[in-house]
Amino acid sequence: MPNRQRQAEIHDADISRALRLGVPGIRRVLRDFKKRVRA
């Protein structure tokens, strides 16, 4: 089971989506991740 304390980290779904999309997808995921961390 995923550790709830690790919720702030990039999720597996984000990683797999980024891998499918390639570098542009990784950039988008990182941007979304930074927004999530700031929120």
PDB file of N, CA and C in Angstrom:
ATOM      1  N   MET A   1       0.850  -1.209   0.000  1.00  0.00           N
ATOM      2  CA  MET A   1       0.000   0.000   0.000  1.00  0.00           C
ATOM      3  C   MET A   1       0.878   1.248   0.000  1.00  0.00           C
ATOM      4  N   PRO A   2       0.451   2.303  -0.686  1.00  0.00           N
ATOM      5  CA  PRO A   2       1.265   3.515  -0.710  1.00  0.00           C
ATOM      6  C   PRO A   2       1.326   4.155   0.666  1.00  0.00           C
ATOM      7  N   ASN A   3       2.474   4.697   0.979  1.00  0.00           N
ATOM      8  CA  ASN A   3       2.656   5.361   2.269  1.00  0.00           C
ATOM      9  C   ASN A   3       2.042   6.755   2.190  1.00  0.00           C
ATOM     10  N   ARG A   4       1.098   7.057   3.068  1.00  0.00           N
ATOM     11  CA  ARG A   4       0.389   8.340   3.011  1.00  0.00           C
ATOM     12  C   ARG A   4       1.350   9.510   3.217  1.00  0.00           C
ATOM     13  N   GLN A   5       2.438   9.302   3.944  1.00  0.00           N
ATOM     14  CA  GLN A   5       3.394  10.381   4.180  1.00  0.00           C
ATOM     15  C   GLN A   5       4.095  10.790   2.890  1.00  0.00           C
ATOM     16  N   ARG A   6       4.054   9.926   1.879  1.00  0.00           N
ATOM     17  CA  ARG A   6       4.748  10.194   0.624  1.00  0.00           C
ATOM     18  C   ARG A   6       3.829  10.844  -0.403  1.00  0.00           C
ATOM     19  N   GLN A   7       2.668  11.309   0.025  1.00  0.00           N
ATOM     20  CA  GLN A   7       1.686  11.889  -0.888  1.00  0.00           C
ATOM     21  C   GLN A   7       2.244  13.094  -1.641  1.00  0.00           C
ATOM     22  N   ALA A   8       3.162  13.834  -1.007  1.00  0.00           N
ATOM     23  CA  ALA A   8       3.720  15.027  -1.639  1.00  0.00           C
ATOM     24  C   ALA A   8       4.655  14.674  -2.786  1.00  0.00           C
ATOM     25  N   GLU A   9       5.119  13.433  -2.817  1.00  0.00           N
ATOM     26  CA  GLU A   9       6.025  13.030  -3.891  1.00  0.00           C
ATOM     27  C   GLU A   9       5.248  12.799  -5.181  1.00  0.00           C
ATOM     28  N   ILE A  10       5.974  12.724  -6.276  1.00  0.00           N
ATOM     29  CA  ILE A  10       5.326  12.491  -7.568  1.00  0.00           C
ATOM     30  C   ILE A  10       4.713  11.096  -7.567  1.00  0.00           C
ATOM     31  N   HIS A  11       3.452  11.000  -7.966  1.00  0.00           N
ATOM     32  CA  HIS A  11       2.735   9.728  -7.931  1.00  0.00           C
ATOM     33  C   HIS A  11       3.132   8.839  -9.098  1.00  0.00           C
ATOM     34  N   ASP A  12       2.969   7.531  -8.907  1.00  0.00           N
ATOM     35  CA  ASP A  12       3.293   6.559  -9.956  1.00  0.00           C
ATOM     36  C   ASP A  12       2.532   6.865 -11.243  1.00  0.00           C
ATOM     37  N   ALA A  13       1.284   7.300 -11.109  1.00  0.00           N
ATOM     38  CA  ALA A  13       0.483   7.610 -12.296  1.00  0.00           C
ATOM     39  C   ALA A  13       1.112   8.772 -13.068  1.00  0.00           C
ATOM     40  N   ASP A  14       1.624   9.763 -12.330  1.00  0.00           N
ATOM     41  CA  ASP A  14       2.283  10.891 -12.987  1.00  0.00           C
ATOM     42  C   ASP A  14       3.510  10.409 -13.746  1.00  0.00           C
ATOM     43  N   ILE A  15       4.274   9.508 -13.108  1.00  0.00           N
ATOM     44  CA  ILE A  15       5.499   9.002 -13.727  1.00  0.00           C
ATOM     45  C   ILE A  15       5.175   8.214 -14.987  1.00  0.00           C
ATOM     46  N   SER A  16       4.199   7.323 -14.911  1.00  0.00           N
ATOM     47  CA  SER A  16       3.871   6.502 -16.082  1.00  0.00           C
ATOM     48  C   SER A  16       3.322   7.371 -17.214  1.00  0.00           C
ATOM     49  N   ARG A  17       2.546   8.403 -16.860  1.00  0.00           N
ATOM     50  CA  ARG A  17       2.036   9.318 -17.882  1.00  0.00           C
ATOM     51  C   ARG A  17       3.201  10.066 -18.537  1.00  0.00           C
ATOM     52  N   ALA A  18       4.144  10.498 -17.724  1.00  0.00           N
ATOM     53  CA  ALA A  18       5.301  11.223 -18.249  1.00  0.00           C
ATOM     54  C   ALA A  18       6.126  10.338 -19.174  1.00  0.00           C
ATOM     55  N   LEU A  19       6.278   9.067 -18.812  1.00  0.00           N
ATOM     56  CA  LEU A  19       7.054   8.156 -19.649  1.00  0.00           C
ATOM     57  C   LEU A  19       6.376   7.966 -20.999  1.00  0.00           C
ATOM     58  N   ARG A  20       5.047   7.906 -20.992  1.00  0.00           N
ATOM     59  CA  ARG A  20       4.321   7.754 -22.261  1.00  0.00           C
ATOM     60  C   ARG A  20       4.483   8.999 -23.126  1.00  0.00           C
ATOM     61  N   LEU A  21       4.458  10.172 -22.499  1.00  0.00           N
ATOM     62  CA  LEU A  21       4.481  11.424 -23.247  1.00  0.00           C
ATOM     63  C   LEU A  21       5.891  11.852 -23.628  1.00  0.00           C
ATOM     64  N   GLY A  22       6.899  11.328 -22.943  1.00  0.00           N
ATOM     65  CA  GLY A  22       8.272  11.733 -23.227  1.00  0.00           C
ATOM     66  C   GLY A  22       8.635  13.019 -22.494  1.00  0.00           C
ATOM     67  N   VAL A  23       9.678  13.681 -22.974  1.00  0.00           N
ATOM     68  CA  VAL A  23      10.207  14.850 -22.269  1.00  0.00           C
ATOM     69  C   VAL A  23       9.163  15.950 -22.057  1.00  0.00           C
ATOM     70  N   PRO A  24       8.352  16.308 -23.070  1.00  0.00           N
ATOM     71  CA  PRO A  24       7.334  17.341 -22.825  1.00  0.00           C
ATOM     72  C   PRO A  24       6.391  16.946 -21.690  1.00  0.00           C
ATOM     73  N   GLY A  25       6.060  15.660 -21.622  1.00  0.00           N
ATOM     74  CA  GLY A  25       5.188  15.178 -20.557  1.00  0.00           C
ATOM     75  C   GLY A  25       5.854  15.283 -19.201  1.00  0.00           C
ATOM     76  N   ILE A  26       7.154  14.987 -19.157  1.00  0.00           N
ATOM     77  CA  ILE A  26       7.887  15.088 -17.892  1.00  0.00           C
ATOM     78  C   ILE A  26       7.886  16.539 -17.419  1.00  0.00           C
ATOM     79  N   ARG A  27       8.127  17.464 -18.345  1.00  0.00           N
ATOM     80  CA  ARG A  27       8.121  18.887 -17.967  1.00  0.00           C
ATOM     81  C   ARG A  27       6.765  19.286 -17.410  1.00  0.00           C
ATOM     82  N   ARG A  28       5.688  18.804 -18.062  1.00  0.00           N
ATOM     83  CA  ARG A  28       4.339  19.157 -17.613  1.00  0.00           C
ATOM     84  C   ARG A  28       4.078  18.581 -16.228  1.00  0.00           C
ATOM     85  N   VAL A  29       4.488  17.332 -16.018  1.00  0.00           N
ATOM     86  CA  VAL A  29       4.273  16.698 -14.716  1.00  0.00           C
ATOM     87  C   VAL A  29       5.036  17.445 -13.631  1.00  0.00           C
ATOM     88  N   LEU A  30       6.269  17.833 -13.919  1.00  0.00           N
ATOM     89  CA  LEU A  30       7.056  18.554 -12.921  1.00  0.00           C
ATOM     90  C   LEU A  30       6.411  19.896 -12.597  1.00  0.00           C
ATOM     91  N   ARG A  31       5.852  20.566 -13.612  1.00  0.00           N
ATOM     92  CA  ARG A  31       5.183  21.845 -13.375  1.00  0.00           C
ATOM     93  C   ARG A  31       3.956  21.640 -12.490  1.00  0.00           C
ATOM     94  N   ASP A  32       3.165  20.607 -12.801  1.00  0.00           N
ATOM     95  CA  ASP A  32       1.984  20.305 -11.985  1.00  0.00           C
ATOM     96  C   ASP A  32       2.399  19.945 -10.568  1.00  0.00           C
ATOM     97  N   PHE A  33       3.503  19.199 -10.447  1.00  0.00           N
ATOM     98  CA  PHE A  33       3.994  18.767  -9.138  1.00  0.00           C
ATOM     99  C   PHE A  33       4.390  19.977  -8.298  1.00  0.00           C
ATOM    100  N   LYS A  34       5.079  20.926  -8.897  1.00  0.00           N
ATOM    101  CA  LYS A  34       5.485  22.119  -8.159  1.00  0.00           C
ATOM    102  C   LYS A  34       4.271  22.903  -7.692  1.00  0.00           C
ATOM    103  N   LYS A  35       3.245  22.978  -8.546  1.00  0.00           N
ATOM    104  CA  LYS A  35       2.008  23.665  -8.157  1.00  0.00           C
ATOM    105  C   LYS A  35       1.378  22.976  -6.956  1.00  0.00           C
ATOM    106  N   ARG A  36       1.371  21.626  -6.986  1.00  0.00           N
ATOM    107  CA  ARG A  36       0.761  20.842  -5.921  1.00  0.00           C
ATOM    108  C   ARG A  36       1.523  21.050  -4.606  1.00  0.00           C
ATOM    109  N   VAL A  37       2.850  21.135  -4.706  1.00  0.00           N
ATOM    110  CA  VAL A  37       3.659  21.307  -3.500  1.00  0.00           C
ATOM    111  C   VAL A  37       3.412  22.680  -2.888  1.00  0.00           C
ATOM    112  N   ARG A  38       3.297  23.704  -3.742  1.00  0.00           N
ATOM    113  CA  ARG A  38       3.078  25.060  -3.245  1.00  0.00           C
ATOM    114  C   ARG A  38       1.698  25.216  -2.631  1.00  0.00           C
ATOM    115  N   ALA A  39       0.721  24.512  -3.162  1.00  0.00           N
ATOM    116  CA  ALA A  39      -0.665  24.669  -2.719  1.00  0.00           C
ATOM    117  C   ALA A  39      -0.839  24.288  -1.247  1.00  0.00           C
TER     118      ALA A  39
END
